[in-house]
Amino acid sequence: MQIGNRPCRIYGRANAEYLLLQMTGEHELQSIDHEVAAIAQSGRNFLFAAVPVESWNDALSPWKSPAVWGKQGFSGKAADTLRFLTEQVIPVLKQQFELPENTKIILGGYSLAGLFALWASTQTDSFYGVAAASPSVWFPGWIEFEQQHPIQTQHIYLSLGDKEERTKNAVMAVVGDNIRTLHSRLAERGTDCTLEWNSGGHFKDADLRTAKVFR
């Protein structure tokens, strides 16, 4: 379904109790059917929208940051992406699929899309929950930013691979400490928050891990 200038993939049914939104890169689209089938095991009545981003590093980063691997840095256009979600995607889906006013909206994603979901929930209280699978909480300045601009969403599910913090990349190696800090911080504030450890590194079973946090 074309929303704005983007071909979004929609799964599920009208009048859904839950609206699940995931920002997706080209690399994820081939496994999205598999992921949605795994989410459907929950037996819940949901509508799922895979919303594509053109430039993963730019569209999902909350502020500018230099390259951490390779040569591509981050240009910090998450605010534009969030605006597109709240002003176009959500209203169109609500109207098109006759979603009730009290539909619970859950924003989620994997890696940088997981960080985007967490960041978005510091900007608005319109999300019922955040499903952040292996989120890039190593992103420079994130953990300090969240301290100053607390996450507003009341239901957060975090996961990380148990080998992710063992990377030789010094910037990304803080991911384990940062996700523990975030989890305990949210728990102290009384947020309904889960942190799950998966076996393996960052690229293992991304679709199933993402399905699990949504579920």
N, C-alpha and C. Protein backbone atom coordinates (compact mmCIF):
# COMPACT_ATOMS: atom_id res chain seq x y z
N MET A 1 0.85 -1.18 0.00
CA MET A 1 0.00 0.00 0.00
C MET A 1 0.89 1.24 0.00
N GLN A 2 0.61 2.16 -0.93
CA GLN A 2 1.43 3.37 -1.03
C GLN A 2 0.97 4.38 0.04
N ILE A 3 1.87 4.76 0.91
CA ILE A 3 1.58 5.83 1.89
C ILE A 3 2.63 6.91 1.68
N GLY A 4 2.18 8.11 1.36
CA GLY A 4 3.13 9.15 0.95
C GLY A 4 3.82 8.64 -0.30
N ASN A 5 5.13 8.60 -0.27
CA ASN A 5 5.88 8.10 -1.44
C ASN A 5 6.48 6.73 -1.17
N ARG A 6 5.94 6.02 -0.17
CA ARG A 6 6.56 4.75 0.21
C ARG A 6 5.63 3.56 0.07
N PRO A 7 6.15 2.47 -0.50
CA PRO A 7 5.36 1.24 -0.58
C PRO A 7 5.44 0.48 0.74
N CYS A 8 4.39 0.55 1.53
CA CYS A 8 4.37 -0.13 2.82
C CYS A 8 3.71 -1.50 2.67
N ARG A 9 4.23 -2.47 3.38
CA ARG A 9 3.62 -3.80 3.38
C ARG A 9 2.73 -3.93 4.61
N ILE A 10 1.48 -4.30 4.36
CA ILE A 10 0.51 -4.38 5.45
C ILE A 10 0.04 -5.83 5.62
N TYR A 11 0.00 -6.28 6.86
CA TYR A 11 -0.46 -7.63 7.18
C TYR A 11 -1.53 -7.53 8.28
N GLY A 12 -2.32 -8.58 8.41
CA GLY A 12 -3.29 -8.59 9.51
C GLY A 12 -4.68 -8.23 9.05
N ARG A 13 -5.43 -7.58 9.93
CA ARG A 13 -6.84 -7.35 9.62
C ARG A 13 -7.33 -5.99 10.12
N ALA A 14 -8.50 -5.63 9.60
CA ALA A 14 -9.13 -4.38 10.04
C ALA A 14 -9.64 -4.53 11.47
N ASN A 15 -10.02 -3.41 12.07
CA ASN A 15 -10.55 -3.38 13.45
C ASN A 15 -9.62 -4.04 14.45
N ALA A 16 -8.32 -3.93 14.22
CA ALA A 16 -7.35 -4.63 15.07
C ALA A 16 -7.23 -3.99 16.45
N GLU A 17 -6.90 -4.83 17.41
CA GLU A 17 -6.67 -4.35 18.78
C GLU A 17 -5.28 -3.71 18.90
N TYR A 18 -4.33 -4.22 18.09
CA TYR A 18 -2.96 -3.71 18.12
C TYR A 18 -2.53 -3.27 16.72
N LEU A 19 -1.86 -2.14 16.66
CA LEU A 19 -1.22 -1.69 15.41
C LEU A 19 0.29 -1.78 15.63
N LEU A 20 0.95 -2.66 14.89
CA LEU A 20 2.39 -2.84 15.02
C LEU A 20 3.09 -2.14 13.86
N LEU A 21 4.04 -1.28 14.18
CA LEU A 21 4.77 -0.53 13.16
C LEU A 21 6.25 -0.86 13.23
N GLN A 22 6.84 -1.15 12.09
CA GLN A 22 8.28 -1.44 12.05
C GLN A 22 8.93 -0.71 10.88
N MET A 23 9.94 0.09 11.17
CA MET A 23 10.74 0.71 10.12
C MET A 23 11.66 -0.38 9.59
N THR A 24 11.66 -0.56 8.27
CA THR A 24 12.42 -1.67 7.70
C THR A 24 13.38 -1.20 6.60
N GLY A 25 14.51 -1.89 6.51
CA GLY A 25 15.47 -1.64 5.44
C GLY A 25 15.29 -2.69 4.35
N GLU A 26 15.88 -2.44 3.21
CA GLU A 26 15.85 -3.39 2.08
C GLU A 26 16.22 -4.79 2.54
N HIS A 27 17.26 -4.85 3.41
CA HIS A 27 17.81 -6.14 3.83
C HIS A 27 16.81 -6.97 4.65
N GLU A 28 15.74 -6.33 5.15
CA GLU A 28 14.80 -7.06 6.01
C GLU A 28 13.56 -7.55 5.27
N LEU A 29 13.27 -6.95 4.11
CA LEU A 29 12.00 -7.22 3.46
C LEU A 29 11.82 -8.68 3.05
N GLN A 30 12.93 -9.36 2.72
CA GLN A 30 12.79 -10.76 2.29
C GLN A 30 12.36 -11.69 3.42
N SER A 31 12.58 -11.27 4.68
CA SER A 31 12.21 -12.16 5.79
C SER A 31 10.99 -11.67 6.57
N ILE A 32 10.34 -10.62 6.06
CA ILE A 32 9.24 -10.03 6.83
C ILE A 32 8.03 -10.96 6.91
N ASP A 33 7.77 -11.74 5.85
CA ASP A 33 6.64 -12.70 5.89
C ASP A 33 6.84 -13.70 7.03
N HIS A 34 8.08 -14.16 7.15
CA HIS A 34 8.45 -15.12 8.18
C HIS A 34 8.25 -14.52 9.57
N GLU A 35 8.66 -13.26 9.71
CA GLU A 35 8.53 -12.57 10.99
C GLU A 35 7.06 -12.42 11.39
N VAL A 36 6.23 -11.98 10.43
CA VAL A 36 4.81 -11.75 10.74
C VAL A 36 4.12 -13.06 11.10
N ALA A 37 4.49 -14.15 10.42
CA ALA A 37 3.92 -15.47 10.75
C ALA A 37 4.25 -15.85 12.19
N ALA A 38 5.47 -15.49 12.64
CA ALA A 38 5.87 -15.79 14.02
C ALA A 38 5.12 -14.90 15.02
N ILE A 39 4.87 -13.64 14.65
CA ILE A 39 4.09 -12.75 15.54
C ILE A 39 2.67 -13.29 15.68
N ALA A 40 2.13 -13.81 14.58
CA ALA A 40 0.74 -14.29 14.57
C ALA A 40 0.50 -15.45 15.52
N GLN A 41 1.58 -16.12 15.95
CA GLN A 41 1.44 -17.21 16.92
C GLN A 41 0.88 -16.71 18.25
N SER A 42 0.92 -15.40 18.46
CA SER A 42 0.39 -14.82 19.70
C SER A 42 -1.13 -14.99 19.78
N GLY A 43 -1.77 -15.16 18.59
CA GLY A 43 -3.22 -15.29 18.58
C GLY A 43 -3.95 -13.96 18.75
N ARG A 44 -3.19 -12.86 18.82
CA ARG A 44 -3.79 -11.53 18.99
C ARG A 44 -4.31 -11.00 17.66
N ASN A 45 -5.25 -10.08 17.77
CA ASN A 45 -5.82 -9.44 16.60
C ASN A 45 -5.00 -8.18 16.29
N PHE A 46 -4.15 -8.25 15.26
CA PHE A 46 -3.24 -7.12 15.00
C PHE A 46 -3.19 -6.75 13.52
N LEU A 47 -2.78 -5.51 13.29
CA LEU A 47 -2.44 -5.04 11.95
C LEU A 47 -0.96 -4.67 12.01
N PHE A 48 -0.18 -5.16 11.06
CA PHE A 48 1.27 -4.93 11.06
C PHE A 48 1.64 -4.15 9.80
N ALA A 49 2.42 -3.10 9.97
CA ALA A 49 2.88 -2.32 8.81
C ALA A 49 4.41 -2.27 8.80
N ALA A 50 4.99 -2.76 7.70
CA ALA A 50 6.43 -2.62 7.48
C ALA A 50 6.63 -1.36 6.65
N VAL A 51 7.26 -0.37 7.26
CA VAL A 51 7.42 0.94 6.61
C VAL A 51 8.88 1.08 6.17
N PRO A 52 9.14 1.14 4.86
CA PRO A 52 10.52 1.14 4.39
C PRO A 52 11.23 2.48 4.60
N VAL A 53 12.53 2.41 4.82
CA VAL A 53 13.35 3.63 4.86
C VAL A 53 14.36 3.55 3.72
N GLU A 54 14.63 4.69 3.11
CA GLU A 54 15.57 4.70 1.98
C GLU A 54 17.00 4.55 2.45
N SER A 55 17.38 5.39 3.39
CA SER A 55 18.75 5.31 3.90
C SER A 55 18.71 4.98 5.39
N TRP A 56 19.00 3.74 5.70
CA TRP A 56 18.92 3.19 7.06
C TRP A 56 19.66 4.07 8.07
N ASN A 57 20.93 4.35 7.81
CA ASN A 57 21.74 5.10 8.78
C ASN A 57 21.22 6.53 9.01
N ASP A 58 20.70 7.13 7.94
CA ASP A 58 20.25 8.52 8.05
C ASP A 58 18.86 8.63 8.65
N ALA A 59 17.92 7.84 8.14
CA ALA A 59 16.52 7.98 8.52
C ALA A 59 16.24 7.58 9.96
N LEU A 60 17.09 6.71 10.54
CA LEU A 60 16.79 6.16 11.87
C LEU A 60 17.70 6.71 12.97
N SER A 61 18.67 7.54 12.61
CA SER A 61 19.57 8.09 13.64
C SER A 61 19.00 9.39 14.20
N PRO A 62 19.01 9.53 15.54
CA PRO A 62 18.38 10.71 16.16
C PRO A 62 19.18 12.00 16.00
N TRP A 63 20.47 11.90 15.82
CA TRP A 63 21.31 13.08 15.59
C TRP A 63 22.53 12.65 14.78
N LYS A 64 23.28 13.64 14.31
CA LYS A 64 24.45 13.33 13.47
C LYS A 64 25.54 12.65 14.29
N SER A 65 26.20 11.71 13.64
CA SER A 65 27.32 11.02 14.29
C SER A 65 28.23 10.46 13.20
N PRO A 66 29.55 10.44 13.44
CA PRO A 66 30.46 9.92 12.42
C PRO A 66 30.32 8.40 12.25
N ALA A 67 30.87 7.89 11.18
CA ALA A 67 30.82 6.45 10.89
C ALA A 67 31.43 5.65 12.04
N VAL A 68 30.84 4.51 12.32
CA VAL A 68 31.34 3.63 13.37
C VAL A 68 32.03 2.42 12.75
N TRP A 69 31.54 2.02 11.58
CA TRP A 69 32.18 0.98 10.77
C TRP A 69 31.99 1.40 9.32
N GLY A 70 32.87 0.97 8.46
CA GLY A 70 32.76 1.40 7.06
C GLY A 70 32.93 2.91 6.95
N LYS A 71 32.34 3.49 5.92
CA LYS A 71 32.52 4.92 5.70
C LYS A 71 31.27 5.75 5.89
N GLN A 72 30.11 5.08 5.99
CA GLN A 72 28.87 5.84 6.07
C GLN A 72 28.56 6.27 7.49
N GLY A 73 28.46 7.58 7.70
CA GLY A 73 28.09 8.10 9.00
C GLY A 73 26.58 8.15 9.16
N PHE A 74 26.12 8.96 10.10
CA PHE A 74 24.69 9.07 10.42
C PHE A 74 24.30 10.54 10.34
N SER A 75 23.26 10.85 9.57
CA SER A 75 22.92 12.27 9.39
C SER A 75 21.79 12.75 10.31
N GLY A 76 21.23 11.84 11.12
CA GLY A 76 20.31 12.27 12.16
C GLY A 76 18.96 12.78 11.68
N LYS A 77 18.27 11.98 10.86
CA LYS A 77 16.97 12.42 10.34
C LYS A 77 15.78 11.70 10.97
N ALA A 78 15.97 11.18 12.17
CA ALA A 78 14.89 10.44 12.83
C ALA A 78 13.64 11.29 13.04
N ALA A 79 13.82 12.59 13.27
CA ALA A 79 12.65 13.46 13.50
C ALA A 79 11.75 13.49 12.27
N ASP A 80 12.35 13.50 11.08
CA ASP A 80 11.57 13.47 9.84
C ASP A 80 10.81 12.15 9.72
N THR A 81 11.48 11.07 10.08
CA THR A 81 10.87 9.74 10.01
C THR A 81 9.70 9.63 10.97
N LEU A 82 9.87 10.14 12.18
CA LEU A 82 8.79 10.11 13.18
C LEU A 82 7.61 10.95 12.71
N ARG A 83 7.89 12.09 12.10
CA ARG A 83 6.83 12.96 11.59
C ARG A 83 6.02 12.24 10.50
N PHE A 84 6.74 11.52 9.62
CA PHE A 84 6.07 10.76 8.57
C PHE A 84 5.15 9.70 9.19
N LEU A 85 5.63 9.04 10.23
CA LEU A 85 4.82 8.02 10.91
C LEU A 85 3.56 8.61 11.53
N THR A 86 3.74 9.69 12.29
CA THR A 86 2.61 10.23 13.06
C THR A 86 1.64 11.04 12.21
N GLU A 87 2.15 11.70 11.16
CA GLU A 87 1.28 12.56 10.36
C GLU A 87 0.69 11.86 9.13
N GLN A 88 1.36 10.79 8.66
CA GLN A 88 0.85 10.12 7.46
C GLN A 88 0.51 8.65 7.70
N VAL A 89 1.49 7.87 8.12
CA VAL A 89 1.26 6.42 8.21
C VAL A 89 0.12 6.07 9.16
N ILE A 90 0.20 6.54 10.41
CA ILE A 90 -0.80 6.15 11.41
C ILE A 90 -2.20 6.63 11.04
N PRO A 91 -2.39 7.92 10.64
CA PRO A 91 -3.74 8.35 10.26
C PRO A 91 -4.32 7.58 9.07
N VAL A 92 -3.48 7.28 8.07
CA VAL A 92 -3.96 6.54 6.89
C VAL A 92 -4.38 5.13 7.29
N LEU A 93 -3.57 4.45 8.10
CA LEU A 93 -3.90 3.08 8.51
C LEU A 93 -5.16 3.05 9.37
N LYS A 94 -5.30 4.04 10.26
CA LYS A 94 -6.49 4.10 11.12
C LYS A 94 -7.75 4.23 10.28
N GLN A 95 -7.67 5.08 9.27
CA GLN A 95 -8.84 5.31 8.43
C GLN A 95 -9.12 4.12 7.51
N GLN A 96 -8.09 3.67 6.82
CA GLN A 96 -8.23 2.60 5.83
C GLN A 96 -8.70 1.29 6.44
N PHE A 97 -8.21 0.99 7.65
CA PHE A 97 -8.52 -0.31 8.27
C PHE A 97 -9.46 -0.19 9.47
N GLU A 98 -10.13 0.98 9.54
CA GLU A 98 -11.17 1.20 10.56
C GLU A 98 -10.70 0.76 11.95
N LEU A 99 -9.53 1.25 12.32
CA LEU A 99 -8.99 0.90 13.64
C LEU A 99 -9.72 1.68 14.72
N PRO A 100 -10.10 1.02 15.80
CA PRO A 100 -10.79 1.73 16.88
C PRO A 100 -9.88 2.79 17.52
N GLU A 101 -10.50 3.76 18.14
CA GLU A 101 -9.76 4.87 18.76
C GLU A 101 -8.73 4.37 19.77
N ASN A 102 -9.09 3.29 20.47
CA ASN A 102 -8.20 2.79 21.54
C ASN A 102 -7.23 1.70 21.06
N THR A 103 -7.02 1.60 19.76
CA THR A 103 -6.03 0.64 19.25
C THR A 103 -4.67 0.93 19.89
N LYS A 104 -4.02 -0.12 20.36
CA LYS A 104 -2.72 0.06 21.02
C LYS A 104 -1.63 0.03 19.95
N ILE A 105 -0.87 1.13 19.86
CA ILE A 105 0.17 1.25 18.83
C ILE A 105 1.52 0.85 19.42
N ILE A 106 2.15 -0.13 18.79
CA ILE A 106 3.48 -0.59 19.25
C ILE A 106 4.48 -0.34 18.14
N LEU A 107 5.49 0.43 18.45
CA LEU A 107 6.56 0.72 17.49
C LEU A 107 7.75 -0.17 17.82
N GLY A 108 8.28 -0.83 16.79
CA GLY A 108 9.40 -1.72 17.06
C GLY A 108 10.36 -1.82 15.90
N GLY A 109 11.37 -2.65 16.08
CA GLY A 109 12.34 -2.84 15.02
C GLY A 109 13.62 -3.44 15.54
N TYR A 110 14.52 -3.71 14.62
CA TYR A 110 15.77 -4.38 14.93
C TYR A 110 16.94 -3.43 14.72
N SER A 111 17.93 -3.50 15.61
CA SER A 111 19.16 -2.74 15.43
C SER A 111 18.88 -1.23 15.48
N LEU A 112 19.23 -0.50 14.44
CA LEU A 112 19.02 0.95 14.45
C LEU A 112 17.53 1.30 14.47
N ALA A 113 16.69 0.43 13.91
CA ALA A 113 15.24 0.64 13.97
C ALA A 113 14.73 0.47 15.41
N GLY A 114 15.41 -0.38 16.18
CA GLY A 114 15.08 -0.54 17.59
C GLY A 114 15.44 0.71 18.38
N LEU A 115 16.60 1.28 18.07
CA LEU A 115 16.99 2.55 18.71
C LEU A 115 16.01 3.65 18.33
N PHE A 116 15.61 3.69 17.06
CA PHE A 116 14.65 4.69 16.61
C PHE A 116 13.35 4.60 17.41
N ALA A 117 12.88 3.38 17.64
CA ALA A 117 11.64 3.19 18.40
C ALA A 117 11.78 3.72 19.83
N LEU A 118 12.93 3.45 20.44
CA LEU A 118 13.18 3.96 21.80
C LEU A 118 13.25 5.48 21.80
N TRP A 119 13.99 6.03 20.84
CA TRP A 119 14.12 7.49 20.75
C TRP A 119 12.75 8.13 20.51
N ALA A 120 11.96 7.55 19.59
CA ALA A 120 10.63 8.11 19.27
C ALA A 120 9.77 8.19 20.52
N SER A 121 9.94 7.21 21.41
CA SER A 121 9.13 7.20 22.63
C SER A 121 9.61 8.21 23.68
N THR A 122 10.73 8.89 23.41
CA THR A 122 11.13 10.03 24.26
C THR A 122 10.47 11.31 23.75
N GLN A 123 9.97 11.27 22.51
CA GLN A 123 9.42 12.46 21.86
C GLN A 123 7.90 12.56 21.96
N THR A 124 7.23 11.43 22.18
CA THR A 124 5.77 11.41 22.20
C THR A 124 5.28 10.31 23.13
N ASP A 125 4.08 10.50 23.68
CA ASP A 125 3.50 9.46 24.54
C ASP A 125 2.41 8.69 23.79
N SER A 126 2.43 8.77 22.45
CA SER A 126 1.34 8.16 21.68
C SER A 126 1.54 6.66 21.42
N PHE A 127 2.68 6.11 21.82
CA PHE A 127 2.90 4.67 21.63
C PHE A 127 2.57 3.90 22.91
N TYR A 128 1.78 2.85 22.75
CA TYR A 128 1.43 2.00 23.88
C TYR A 128 2.65 1.21 24.33
N GLY A 129 3.45 0.77 23.36
CA GLY A 129 4.62 -0.03 23.69
C GLY A 129 5.73 0.11 22.67
N VAL A 130 6.92 -0.31 23.07
CA VAL A 130 8.08 -0.33 22.17
C VAL A 130 8.69 -1.72 22.20
N ALA A 131 8.94 -2.25 21.00
CA ALA A 131 9.53 -3.59 20.85
C ALA A 131 10.91 -3.42 20.22
N ALA A 132 11.95 -3.37 21.04
CA ALA A 132 13.29 -3.05 20.56
C ALA A 132 14.21 -4.28 20.62
N ALA A 133 14.40 -4.91 19.46
CA ALA A 133 15.25 -6.10 19.37
C ALA A 133 16.67 -5.69 19.00
N SER A 134 17.63 -6.09 19.82
CA SER A 134 19.04 -5.72 19.61
C SER A 134 19.20 -4.25 19.20
N PRO A 135 18.58 -3.34 19.97
CA PRO A 135 18.63 -1.92 19.58
C PRO A 135 20.04 -1.36 19.69
N SER A 136 20.35 -0.39 18.85
CA SER A 136 21.69 0.20 18.80
C SER A 136 21.88 1.22 19.93
N VAL A 137 21.74 0.74 21.18
CA VAL A 137 21.86 1.65 22.33
C VAL A 137 23.32 2.04 22.60
N TRP A 138 24.23 1.54 21.75
CA TRP A 138 25.62 1.99 21.79
C TRP A 138 25.76 3.36 21.13
N PHE A 139 24.71 3.82 20.44
CA PHE A 139 24.79 5.05 19.63
C PHE A 139 25.31 6.20 20.50
N PRO A 140 26.36 6.90 20.02
CA PRO A 140 26.99 7.95 20.84
C PRO A 140 26.00 8.99 21.34
N GLY A 141 25.98 9.16 22.67
CA GLY A 141 25.13 10.17 23.30
C GLY A 141 23.74 9.69 23.69
N TRP A 142 23.36 8.46 23.27
CA TRP A 142 21.99 8.00 23.53
C TRP A 142 21.68 7.87 25.02
N ILE A 143 22.55 7.20 25.75
CA ILE A 143 22.22 6.88 27.15
C ILE A 143 22.13 8.16 27.99
N GLU A 144 22.95 9.16 27.63
CA GLU A 144 22.88 10.47 28.31
C GLU A 144 21.61 11.21 27.91
N PHE A 145 21.26 11.13 26.62
CA PHE A 145 20.06 11.80 26.12
C PHE A 145 18.80 11.27 26.82
N GLU A 146 18.72 9.95 26.98
CA GLU A 146 17.53 9.36 27.58
C GLU A 146 17.39 9.76 29.05
N GLN A 147 18.51 10.00 29.70
CA GLN A 147 18.47 10.46 31.10
C GLN A 147 17.80 11.83 31.17
N GLN A 148 18.10 12.68 30.19
CA GLN A 148 17.55 14.04 30.15
C GLN A 148 16.14 14.09 29.56
N HIS A 149 15.85 13.14 28.65
CA HIS A 149 14.54 13.10 27.97
C HIS A 149 13.98 11.68 28.13
N PRO A 150 13.38 11.39 29.28
CA PRO A 150 12.98 10.00 29.59
C PRO A 150 11.95 9.44 28.61
N ILE A 151 12.08 8.15 28.36
CA ILE A 151 11.11 7.41 27.57
C ILE A 151 9.73 7.53 28.22
N GLN A 152 8.72 7.85 27.41
CA GLN A 152 7.37 8.07 27.95
C GLN A 152 6.48 6.84 27.86
N THR A 153 6.84 5.92 27.00
CA THR A 153 6.04 4.70 26.81
C THR A 153 6.11 3.82 28.06
N GLN A 154 5.00 3.20 28.38
CA GLN A 154 4.93 2.43 29.64
C GLN A 154 5.22 0.94 29.49
N HIS A 155 5.31 0.45 28.26
CA HIS A 155 5.57 -0.98 28.04
C HIS A 155 6.75 -1.11 27.07
N ILE A 156 7.86 -1.63 27.56
CA ILE A 156 9.08 -1.73 26.75
C ILE A 156 9.62 -3.16 26.81
N TYR A 157 9.90 -3.70 25.64
CA TYR A 157 10.53 -5.03 25.60
C TYR A 157 11.87 -4.88 24.88
N LEU A 158 12.95 -5.20 25.59
CA LEU A 158 14.30 -5.09 25.04
C LEU A 158 14.90 -6.49 24.90
N SER A 159 15.71 -6.68 23.86
CA SER A 159 16.48 -7.93 23.80
C SER A 159 17.85 -7.64 23.21
N LEU A 160 18.78 -8.53 23.50
CA LEU A 160 20.14 -8.40 22.98
C LEU A 160 20.77 -9.79 22.87
N GLY A 161 21.62 -9.97 21.88
CA GLY A 161 22.35 -11.23 21.77
C GLY A 161 23.49 -11.24 22.79
N ASP A 162 23.73 -12.39 23.38
CA ASP A 162 24.72 -12.44 24.48
C ASP A 162 26.16 -12.26 24.00
N LYS A 163 26.37 -12.29 22.68
CA LYS A 163 27.73 -12.06 22.19
C LYS A 163 27.93 -10.66 21.60
N GLU A 164 26.89 -9.85 21.60
CA GLU A 164 26.97 -8.55 20.91
C GLU A 164 28.00 -7.60 21.53
N GLU A 165 28.14 -7.67 22.86
CA GLU A 165 29.06 -6.73 23.51
C GLU A 165 30.52 -7.18 23.40
N ARG A 166 30.73 -8.36 22.80
CA ARG A 166 32.11 -8.86 22.68
C ARG A 166 32.78 -8.40 21.38
N THR A 167 32.20 -7.44 20.70
CA THR A 167 32.78 -6.94 19.46
C THR A 167 34.10 -6.21 19.71
N LYS A 168 34.96 -6.22 18.70
CA LYS A 168 36.23 -5.48 18.82
C LYS A 168 36.04 -3.99 18.57
N ASN A 169 34.84 -3.62 18.07
CA ASN A 169 34.54 -2.21 17.81
C ASN A 169 34.25 -1.52 19.16
N ALA A 170 35.14 -0.60 19.54
CA ALA A 170 35.06 0.01 20.88
C ALA A 170 33.75 0.78 21.10
N VAL A 171 33.24 1.44 20.06
CA VAL A 171 32.00 2.21 20.20
C VAL A 171 30.83 1.27 20.47
N MET A 172 30.78 0.18 19.70
CA MET A 172 29.64 -0.73 19.81
C MET A 172 29.73 -1.68 21.00
N ALA A 173 30.91 -1.83 21.56
CA ALA A 173 31.10 -2.76 22.68
C ALA A 173 30.35 -2.32 23.95
N VAL A 174 29.94 -1.04 24.01
CA VAL A 174 29.21 -0.56 25.21
C VAL A 174 27.74 -0.97 25.18
N VAL A 175 27.31 -1.67 24.12
CA VAL A 175 25.89 -1.99 23.96
C VAL A 175 25.34 -2.78 25.15
N GLY A 176 26.13 -3.71 25.69
CA GLY A 176 25.66 -4.51 26.83
C GLY A 176 25.45 -3.68 28.08
N ASP A 177 26.47 -2.88 28.43
CA ASP A 177 26.35 -2.02 29.61
C ASP A 177 25.21 -1.03 29.46
N ASN A 178 25.07 -0.48 28.25
CA ASN A 178 24.02 0.53 28.03
C ASN A 178 22.62 -0.06 28.12
N ILE A 179 22.46 -1.28 27.63
CA ILE A 179 21.10 -1.86 27.69
C ILE A 179 20.76 -2.27 29.12
N ARG A 180 21.76 -2.68 29.90
CA ARG A 180 21.52 -2.98 31.33
C ARG A 180 21.15 -1.70 32.07
N THR A 181 21.87 -0.61 31.77
CA THR A 181 21.59 0.69 32.41
C THR A 181 20.17 1.14 32.08
N LEU A 182 19.82 1.04 30.80
CA LEU A 182 18.49 1.48 30.37
C LEU A 182 17.40 0.64 31.03
N HIS A 183 17.60 -0.66 31.08
CA HIS A 183 16.61 -1.55 31.69
C HIS A 183 16.41 -1.22 33.17
N SER A 184 17.50 -1.05 33.91
CA SER A 184 17.35 -0.78 35.34
C SER A 184 16.76 0.61 35.58
N ARG A 185 17.10 1.56 34.71
CA ARG A 185 16.55 2.92 34.81
C ARG A 185 15.03 2.89 34.62
N LEU A 186 14.59 2.15 33.60
CA LEU A 186 13.15 2.06 33.32
C LEU A 186 12.42 1.35 34.46
N ALA A 187 13.05 0.30 34.99
CA ALA A 187 12.45 -0.44 36.11
C ALA A 187 12.30 0.45 37.34
N GLU A 188 13.31 1.29 37.59
CA GLU A 188 13.26 2.20 38.74
C GLU A 188 12.11 3.20 38.59
N ARG A 189 11.82 3.57 37.35
CA ARG A 189 10.72 4.53 37.11
C ARG A 189 9.35 3.86 37.14
N GLY A 190 9.33 2.54 37.28
CA GLY A 190 8.05 1.84 37.34
C GLY A 190 7.49 1.45 35.99
N THR A 191 8.32 1.54 34.94
CA THR A 191 7.88 1.13 33.61
C THR A 191 7.81 -0.39 33.54
N ASP A 192 6.83 -0.90 32.81
CA ASP A 192 6.73 -2.34 32.56
C ASP A 192 7.78 -2.68 31.51
N CYS A 193 8.92 -3.21 31.96
CA CYS A 193 10.05 -3.39 31.05
C CYS A 193 10.70 -4.76 31.21
N THR A 194 10.94 -5.41 30.09
CA THR A 194 11.59 -6.73 30.07
C THR A 194 12.90 -6.63 29.29
N LEU A 195 13.93 -7.29 29.77
CA LEU A 195 15.18 -7.42 29.01
C LEU A 195 15.46 -8.91 28.83
N GLU A 196 15.53 -9.33 27.58
CA GLU A 196 15.78 -10.73 27.28
C GLU A 196 17.12 -10.89 26.57
N TRP A 197 17.87 -11.89 26.98
CA TRP A 197 19.16 -12.19 26.33
C TRP A 197 18.98 -13.38 25.39
N ASN A 198 19.33 -13.18 24.13
CA ASN A 198 19.29 -14.25 23.14
C ASN A 198 20.70 -14.80 22.96
N SER A 199 20.81 -16.04 22.49
CA SER A 199 22.15 -16.57 22.25
C SER A 199 22.65 -16.11 20.89
N GLY A 200 23.94 -15.76 20.82
CA GLY A 200 24.54 -15.39 19.54
C GLY A 200 24.84 -13.91 19.41
N GLY A 201 25.37 -13.58 18.24
CA GLY A 201 25.75 -12.20 17.96
C GLY A 201 24.61 -11.39 17.37
N HIS A 202 24.96 -10.27 16.74
CA HIS A 202 23.95 -9.31 16.30
C HIS A 202 23.12 -9.80 15.12
N PHE A 203 23.70 -10.61 14.26
CA PHE A 203 23.02 -10.95 13.01
C PHE A 203 22.30 -12.29 13.03
N LYS A 204 22.18 -12.90 14.19
CA LYS A 204 21.55 -14.23 14.28
C LYS A 204 20.03 -14.10 14.46
N ASP A 205 19.28 -14.72 13.55
CA ASP A 205 17.80 -14.81 13.68
C ASP A 205 17.12 -13.46 13.90
N ALA A 206 17.54 -12.46 13.15
CA ALA A 206 16.98 -11.11 13.36
C ALA A 206 15.46 -11.09 13.23
N ASP A 207 14.92 -11.81 12.23
CA ASP A 207 13.47 -11.78 12.03
C ASP A 207 12.73 -12.42 13.20
N LEU A 208 13.25 -13.55 13.70
CA LEU A 208 12.58 -14.23 14.81
C LEU A 208 12.73 -13.47 16.12
N ARG A 209 13.88 -12.84 16.30
CA ARG A 209 14.07 -12.03 17.51
C ARG A 209 13.11 -10.83 17.51
N THR A 210 12.93 -10.24 16.33
CA THR A 210 12.03 -9.09 16.24
C THR A 210 10.58 -9.53 16.48
N ALA A 211 10.23 -10.68 15.90
CA ALA A 211 8.88 -11.22 16.12
C ALA A 211 8.63 -11.45 17.61
N LYS A 212 9.65 -11.94 18.28
CA LYS A 212 9.53 -12.28 19.71
C LYS A 212 9.24 -11.05 20.57
N VAL A 213 9.93 -9.95 20.28
CA VAL A 213 9.68 -8.75 21.11
C VAL A 213 8.30 -8.17 20.83
N PHE A 214 7.86 -8.21 19.58
CA PHE A 214 6.50 -7.76 19.27
C PHE A 214 5.46 -8.66 19.95
N ARG A 215 5.71 -9.96 19.88
CA ARG A 215 4.76 -10.91 20.45
C ARG A 215 4.62 -10.70 21.95
